[in-house]
PDB file of N, CA and C in Angstrom:
ATOM      1  N   MET A   1       0.857  -1.048  -0.006  1.00  0.00           N
ATOM      2  CA  MET A   1       0.212   0.140  -0.063  1.00  0.00           C
ATOM      3  C   MET A   1       0.747   1.157  -0.035  1.00  0.00           C
ATOM      4  N   PRO A   2       0.804   1.886  -0.955  1.00  0.00           N
ATOM      5  CA  PRO A   2       1.638   3.400  -1.329  1.00  0.00           C
ATOM      6  C   PRO A   2       1.259   4.178   0.435  1.00  0.00           C
ATOM      7  N   GLU A   3       2.481   4.718   0.517  1.00  0.00           N
ATOM      8  CA  GLU A   3       2.130   5.531   2.119  1.00  0.00           C
ATOM      9  C   GLU A   3       1.716   7.210   1.630  1.00  0.00           C
ATOM     10  N   LEU A   4       0.520   7.442   2.489  1.00  0.00           N
ATOM     11  CA  LEU A   4      -0.414   8.396   2.164  1.00  0.00           C
ATOM     12  C   LEU A   4       0.298   9.373   2.242  1.00  0.00           C
ATOM     13  N   ALA A   5       0.484  10.855   1.241  1.00  0.00           N
ATOM     14  CA  ALA A   5       1.000  11.962   1.177  1.00  0.00           C
ATOM     15  C   ALA A   5       0.432  13.042   2.198  1.00  0.00           C
ATOM     16  N   GLU A   6       1.220  14.249   2.373  1.00  0.00           N
ATOM     17  CA  GLU A   6       0.986  15.375   3.229  1.00  0.00           C
ATOM     18  C   GLU A   6      -0.704  15.579   3.103  1.00  0.00           C
ATOM     19  N   PRO A   7      -1.340  15.874   3.989  1.00  0.00           N
ATOM     20  CA  PRO A   7      -2.620  16.173   3.465  1.00  0.00           C
ATOM     21  C   PRO A   7      -3.301  17.093   2.896  1.00  0.00           C
ATOM     22  N   ALA A   8      -2.003  18.635   2.604  1.00  0.00           N
ATOM     23  CA  ALA A   8      -2.429  19.611   1.879  1.00  0.00           C
ATOM     24  C   ALA A   8      -2.115  19.179   0.134  1.00  0.00           C
ATOM     25  N   ILE A   9      -1.101  18.183   0.232  1.00  0.00           N
ATOM     26  CA  ILE A   9      -0.893  18.147  -0.976  1.00  0.00           C
ATOM     27  C   ILE A   9      -1.761  17.155  -1.421  1.00  0.00           C
ATOM     28  N   ALA A  10      -2.191  15.870  -0.484  1.00  0.00           N
ATOM     29  CA  ALA A  10      -3.662  14.872  -1.159  1.00  0.00           C
ATOM     30  C   ALA A  10      -4.702  15.960  -1.297  1.00  0.00           C
ATOM     31  N   VAL A  11      -5.107  17.188  -1.033  1.00  0.00           N
ATOM     32  CA  VAL A  11      -6.213  17.847  -1.329  1.00  0.00           C
ATOM     33  C   VAL A  11      -6.062  18.943  -2.545  1.00  0.00           C
ATOM     34  N   GLU A  12      -4.637  19.366  -2.453  1.00  0.00           N
ATOM     35  CA  GLU A  12      -4.630  20.356  -3.597  1.00  0.00           C
ATOM     36  C   GLU A  12      -4.121  19.543  -4.998  1.00  0.00           C
ATOM     37  N   GLN A  13      -4.266  18.314  -4.723  1.00  0.00           N
ATOM     38  CA  GLN A  13      -4.217  17.629  -6.242  1.00  0.00           C
ATOM     39  C   GLN A  13      -5.034  18.017  -7.315  1.00  0.00           C
ATOM     40  N   PHE A  14      -6.517  18.253  -6.552  1.00  0.00           N
ATOM     41  CA  PHE A  14      -7.663  18.316  -7.363  1.00  0.00           C
ATOM     42  C   PHE A  14      -8.063  19.873  -7.269  1.00  0.00           C
ATOM     43  N   ASP A  15      -8.615  20.216  -8.769  1.00  0.00           N
ATOM     44  CA  ASP A  15      -9.142  21.510  -8.770  1.00  0.00           C
ATOM     45  C   ASP A  15     -10.040  21.661  -7.778  1.00  0.00           C
ATOM     46  N   CYS A  16     -10.899  22.986  -6.513  1.00  0.00           N
ATOM     47  CA  CYS A  16     -11.587  23.076  -5.964  1.00  0.00           C
ATOM     48  C   CYS A  16     -13.143  23.769  -6.881  1.00  0.00           C
ATOM     49  N   PRO A  17     -14.277  22.602  -6.941  1.00  0.00           N
ATOM     50  CA  PRO A  17     -15.737  22.803  -7.507  1.00  0.00           C
ATOM     51  C   PRO A  17     -16.360  23.848  -6.878  1.00  0.00           C
ATOM     52  N   THR A  18     -15.960  24.213  -5.864  1.00  0.00           N
ATOM     53  CA  THR A  18     -16.580  25.631  -5.115  1.00  0.00           C
ATOM     54  C   THR A  18     -15.928  26.838  -5.681  1.00  0.00           C
ATOM     55  N   CYS A  19     -14.325  27.096  -5.284  1.00  0.00           N
ATOM     56  CA  CYS A  19     -14.210  28.369  -5.692  1.00  0.00           C
ATOM     57  C   CYS A  19     -13.397  28.066  -7.038  1.00  0.00           C
ATOM     58  N   GLU A  20     -13.118  26.940  -7.203  1.00  0.00           N
ATOM     59  CA  GLU A  20     -12.879  26.913  -8.973  1.00  0.00           C
ATOM     60  C   GLU A  20     -11.309  27.672  -9.547  1.00  0.00           C
ATOM     61  N   VAL A  21     -10.535  26.925  -8.006  1.00  0.00           N
ATOM     62  CA  VAL A  21      -9.193  27.279  -7.901  1.00  0.00           C
ATOM     63  C   VAL A  21      -8.522  26.216  -8.669  1.00  0.00           C
ATOM     64  N   PRO A  22      -7.381  26.234  -9.634  1.00  0.00           N
ATOM     65  CA  PRO A  22      -6.767  25.000 -10.051  1.00  0.00           C
ATOM     66  C   PRO A  22      -5.936  24.417  -8.660  1.00  0.00           C
ATOM     67  N   ALA A  23      -5.967  23.024  -9.597  1.00  0.00           N
ATOM     68  CA  ALA A  23      -5.148  22.072  -8.672  1.00  0.00           C
ATOM     69  C   ALA A  23      -3.682  22.845  -8.110  1.00  0.00           C
ATOM     70  N   GLY A  24      -3.113  22.825  -7.057  1.00  0.00           N
ATOM     71  CA  GLY A  24      -1.725  23.326  -6.589  1.00  0.00           C
ATOM     72  C   GLY A  24      -2.103  24.336  -5.555  1.00  0.00           C
ATOM     73  N   SER A  25      -3.314  24.990  -5.657  1.00  0.00           N
ATOM     74  CA  SER A  25      -3.939  26.233  -5.101  1.00  0.00           C
ATOM     75  C   SER A  25      -4.631  26.178  -3.904  1.00  0.00           C
ATOM     76  N   THR A  26      -4.252  26.799  -3.032  1.00  0.00           N
ATOM     77  CA  THR A  26      -5.442  26.716  -1.870  1.00  0.00           C
ATOM     78  C   THR A  26      -6.525  27.206  -2.256  1.00  0.00           C
ATOM     79  N   CYS A  27      -7.660  27.014  -1.100  1.00  0.00           N
ATOM     80  CA  CYS A  27      -9.038  27.376  -1.374  1.00  0.00           C
ATOM     81  C   CYS A  27      -9.254  29.139  -1.290  1.00  0.00           C
ATOM     82  N   ARG A  28      -9.848  30.085  -1.644  1.00  0.00           N
ATOM     83  CA  ARG A  28     -10.757  31.545  -1.959  1.00  0.00           C
ATOM     84  C   ARG A  28     -11.672  31.520  -1.273  1.00  0.00           C
ATOM     85  N   THR A  29     -11.742  32.574  -0.679  1.00  0.00           N
ATOM     86  CA  THR A  29     -12.990  33.160  -0.199  1.00  0.00           C
ATOM     87  C   THR A  29     -13.866  33.890  -1.524  1.00  0.00           C
ATOM     88  N   ARG A  30     -15.231  33.940  -1.386  1.00  0.00           N
ATOM     89  CA  ARG A  30     -15.771  35.159  -2.410  1.00  0.00           C
ATOM     90  C   ARG A  30     -15.004  36.254  -2.868  1.00  0.00           C
ATOM     91  N   GLY A  31     -14.119  36.999  -1.606  1.00  0.00           N
ATOM     92  CA  GLY A  31     -13.523  38.294  -1.918  1.00  0.00           C
ATOM     93  C   GLY A  31     -11.879  37.770  -2.569  1.00  0.00           C
ATOM     94  N   GLY A  32     -11.317  36.674  -2.893  1.00  0.00           N
ATOM     95  CA  GLY A  32     -10.465  36.208  -3.205  1.00  0.00           C
ATOM     96  C   GLY A  32      -9.447  36.177  -2.040  1.00  0.00           C
ATOM     97  N   LYS A  33      -9.556  36.255  -1.263  1.00  0.00           N
ATOM     98  CA  LYS A  33      -8.787  35.783  -0.232  1.00  0.00           C
ATOM     99  C   LYS A  33      -8.284  34.351   0.356  1.00  0.00           C
ATOM    100  N   VAL A  34      -7.425  33.843   0.680  1.00  0.00           N
ATOM    101  CA  VAL A  34      -7.393  32.400   1.381  1.00  0.00           C
ATOM    102  C   VAL A  34      -8.103  32.234   2.461  1.00  0.00           C
ATOM    103  N   ALA A  35      -8.868  31.055   1.819  1.00  0.00           N
ATOM    104  CA  ALA A  35      -9.911  30.343   3.158  1.00  0.00           C
ATOM    105  C   ALA A  35      -9.233  30.067   4.092  1.00  0.00           C
ATOM    106  N   PRO A  36     -10.128  29.788   5.353  1.00  0.00           N
ATOM    107  CA  PRO A  36      -9.280  29.287   6.489  1.00  0.00           C
ATOM    108  C   PRO A  36      -9.046  27.951   6.494  1.00  0.00           C
ATOM    109  N   LYS A  37     -10.247  27.432   5.616  1.00  0.00           N
ATOM    110  CA  LYS A  37     -10.125  25.618   5.531  1.00  0.00           C
ATOM    111  C   LYS A  37     -10.234  25.428   4.402  1.00  0.00           C
ATOM    112  N   TYR A  38     -10.496  24.290   3.776  1.00  0.00           N
ATOM    113  CA  TYR A  38     -10.628  23.954   2.165  1.00  0.00           C
ATOM    114  C   TYR A  38     -11.941  23.406   2.451  1.00  0.00           C
ATOM    115  N   HIS A  39     -12.823  23.996   1.145  1.00  0.00           N
ATOM    116  CA  HIS A  39     -14.164  23.411   1.000  1.00  0.00           C
ATOM    117  C   HIS A  39     -14.313  21.926   0.629  1.00  0.00           C
ATOM    118  N   THR A  40     -15.541  21.847   1.390  1.00  0.00           N
ATOM    119  CA  THR A  40     -15.969  20.384   1.671  1.00  0.00           C
ATOM    120  C   THR A  40     -15.773  19.485   0.654  1.00  0.00           C
ATOM    121  N   PRO A  41     -16.360  19.979  -0.659  1.00  0.00           N
ATOM    122  CA  PRO A  41     -16.345  19.006  -1.861  1.00  0.00           C
ATOM    123  C   PRO A  41     -14.626  18.962  -2.555  1.00  0.00           C
ATOM    124  N   ARG A  42     -14.133  19.137  -1.995  1.00  0.00           N
ATOM    125  CA  ARG A  42     -12.586  18.958  -2.562  1.00  0.00           C
ATOM    126  C   ARG A  42     -12.145  18.013  -1.477  1.00  0.00           C
ATOM    127  N   THR A  43     -12.261  18.206  -0.498  1.00  0.00           N
ATOM    128  CA  THR A  43     -11.826  16.898   0.763  1.00  0.00           C
ATOM    129  C   THR A  43     -12.435  15.697   0.437  1.00  0.00           C
ATOM    130  N   THR A  44     -13.272  15.264  -0.057  1.00  0.00           N
ATOM    131  CA  THR A  44     -14.318  14.768  -0.186  1.00  0.00           C
ATOM    132  C   THR A  44     -13.589  13.101  -1.012  1.00  0.00           C
ATOM    133  N   PRO A  45     -13.405  12.274  -0.189  1.00  0.00           N
ATOM    134  CA  PRO A  45     -12.803  10.946  -0.945  1.00  0.00           C
ATOM    135  C   PRO A  45     -13.276  11.058  -2.206  1.00  0.00           C
ATOM    136  N   ARG A  46     -12.049  10.875  -2.956  1.00  0.00           N
ATOM    137  CA  ARG A  46     -12.486  10.274  -4.580  1.00  0.00           C
ATOM    138  C   ARG A  46     -12.408   8.493  -4.658  1.00  0.00           C
ATOM    139  N   ALA A  47     -13.070   7.756  -5.310  1.00  0.00           N
ATOM    140  CA  ALA A  47     -12.873   6.713  -5.999  1.00  0.00           C
ATOM    141  C   ALA A  47     -11.807   6.124  -7.078  1.00  0.00           C
ATOM    142  N   SER A  48     -10.872   5.464  -6.811  1.00  0.00           N
ATOM    143  CA  SER A  48      -9.837   5.999  -7.995  1.00  0.00           C
ATOM    144  C   SER A  48      -9.833   4.339  -8.332  1.00  0.00           C
ATOM    145  N   CYS A  49      -9.682   4.126  -9.871  1.00  0.00           N
ATOM    146  CA  CYS A  49      -9.379   2.784 -10.215  1.00  0.00           C
ATOM    147  C   CYS A  49      -8.007   2.896 -10.805  1.00  0.00           C
ATOM    148  N   SER A  50      -6.960   1.768 -10.586  1.00  0.00           N
ATOM    149  CA  SER A  50      -5.695   1.949 -11.763  1.00  0.00           C
ATOM    150  C   SER A  50      -6.351   1.776 -13.349  1.00  0.00           C
ATOM    151  N   SER A  51      -6.700   0.893 -13.417  1.00  0.00           N
ATOM    152  CA  SER A  51      -7.409   0.464 -14.869  1.00  0.00           C
ATOM    153  C   SER A  51      -8.961   0.220 -14.686  1.00  0.00           C
ATOM    154  N   PRO A  52      -9.806   0.086 -15.748  1.00  0.00           N
ATOM    155  CA  PRO A  52     -11.003  -0.195 -15.742  1.00  0.00           C
ATOM    156  C   PRO A  52     -10.952  -1.854 -15.513  1.00  0.00           C
ATOM    157  N   SER A  53     -10.408  -2.983 -15.815  1.00  0.00           N
ATOM    158  CA  SER A  53      -9.992  -4.486 -16.299  1.00  0.00           C
ATOM    159  C   SER A  53      -9.846  -4.422 -14.307  1.00  0.00           C
ATOM    160  N   SER A  54      -9.633  -3.612 -13.592  1.00  0.00           N
ATOM    161  CA  SER A  54      -9.307  -3.499 -11.951  1.00  0.00           C
ATOM    162  C   SER A  54     -10.726  -3.940 -11.383  1.00  0.00           C
ATOM    163  N   ALA A  55     -11.380  -3.584 -11.948  1.00  0.00           N
ATOM    164  CA  ALA A  55     -13.148  -3.260 -11.091  1.00  0.00           C
ATOM    165  C   ALA A  55     -13.591  -5.103 -11.364  1.00  0.00           C
ATOM    166  N   PRO A  56     -14.424  -5.287 -10.169  1.00  0.00           N
ATOM    167  CA  PRO A  56     -14.765  -6.573 -10.468  1.00  0.00           C
ATOM    168  C   PRO A  56     -16.096  -6.594 -11.217  1.00  0.00           C
ATOM    169  N   SER A  57     -16.257  -7.947 -11.966  1.00  0.00           N
ATOM    170  CA  SER A  57     -17.470  -8.340 -12.809  1.00  0.00           C
ATOM    171  C   SER A  57     -18.493  -8.739 -11.609  1.00  0.00           C
ATOM    172  N   TRP A  58     -19.700  -8.689 -11.832  1.00  0.00           N
ATOM    173  CA  TRP A  58     -20.692  -8.855 -11.213  1.00  0.00           C
ATOM    174  C   TRP A  58     -21.518  -9.761 -11.936  1.00  0.00           C
ATOM    175  N   ARG A  59     -21.044 -10.067 -13.114  1.00  0.00           N
ATOM    176  CA  ARG A  59     -22.324 -10.710 -14.122  1.00  0.00           C
ATOM    177  C   ARG A  59     -21.865 -12.248 -13.979  1.00  0.00           C
TER     178      ARG A  59
END
């Protein structure tokens, strides 16, 4: 199992759907200042598959 990255790096590897900052940037408030915490949609875990063939076949 791979090691977990630093929390900020793990969160900032994705664009934020709330404030629309690009990956690698911290979340922003409506006024453009750095937000005191990350927006919830950005921090929710995402499912990842290494390849479609790694998914189980239920048929």
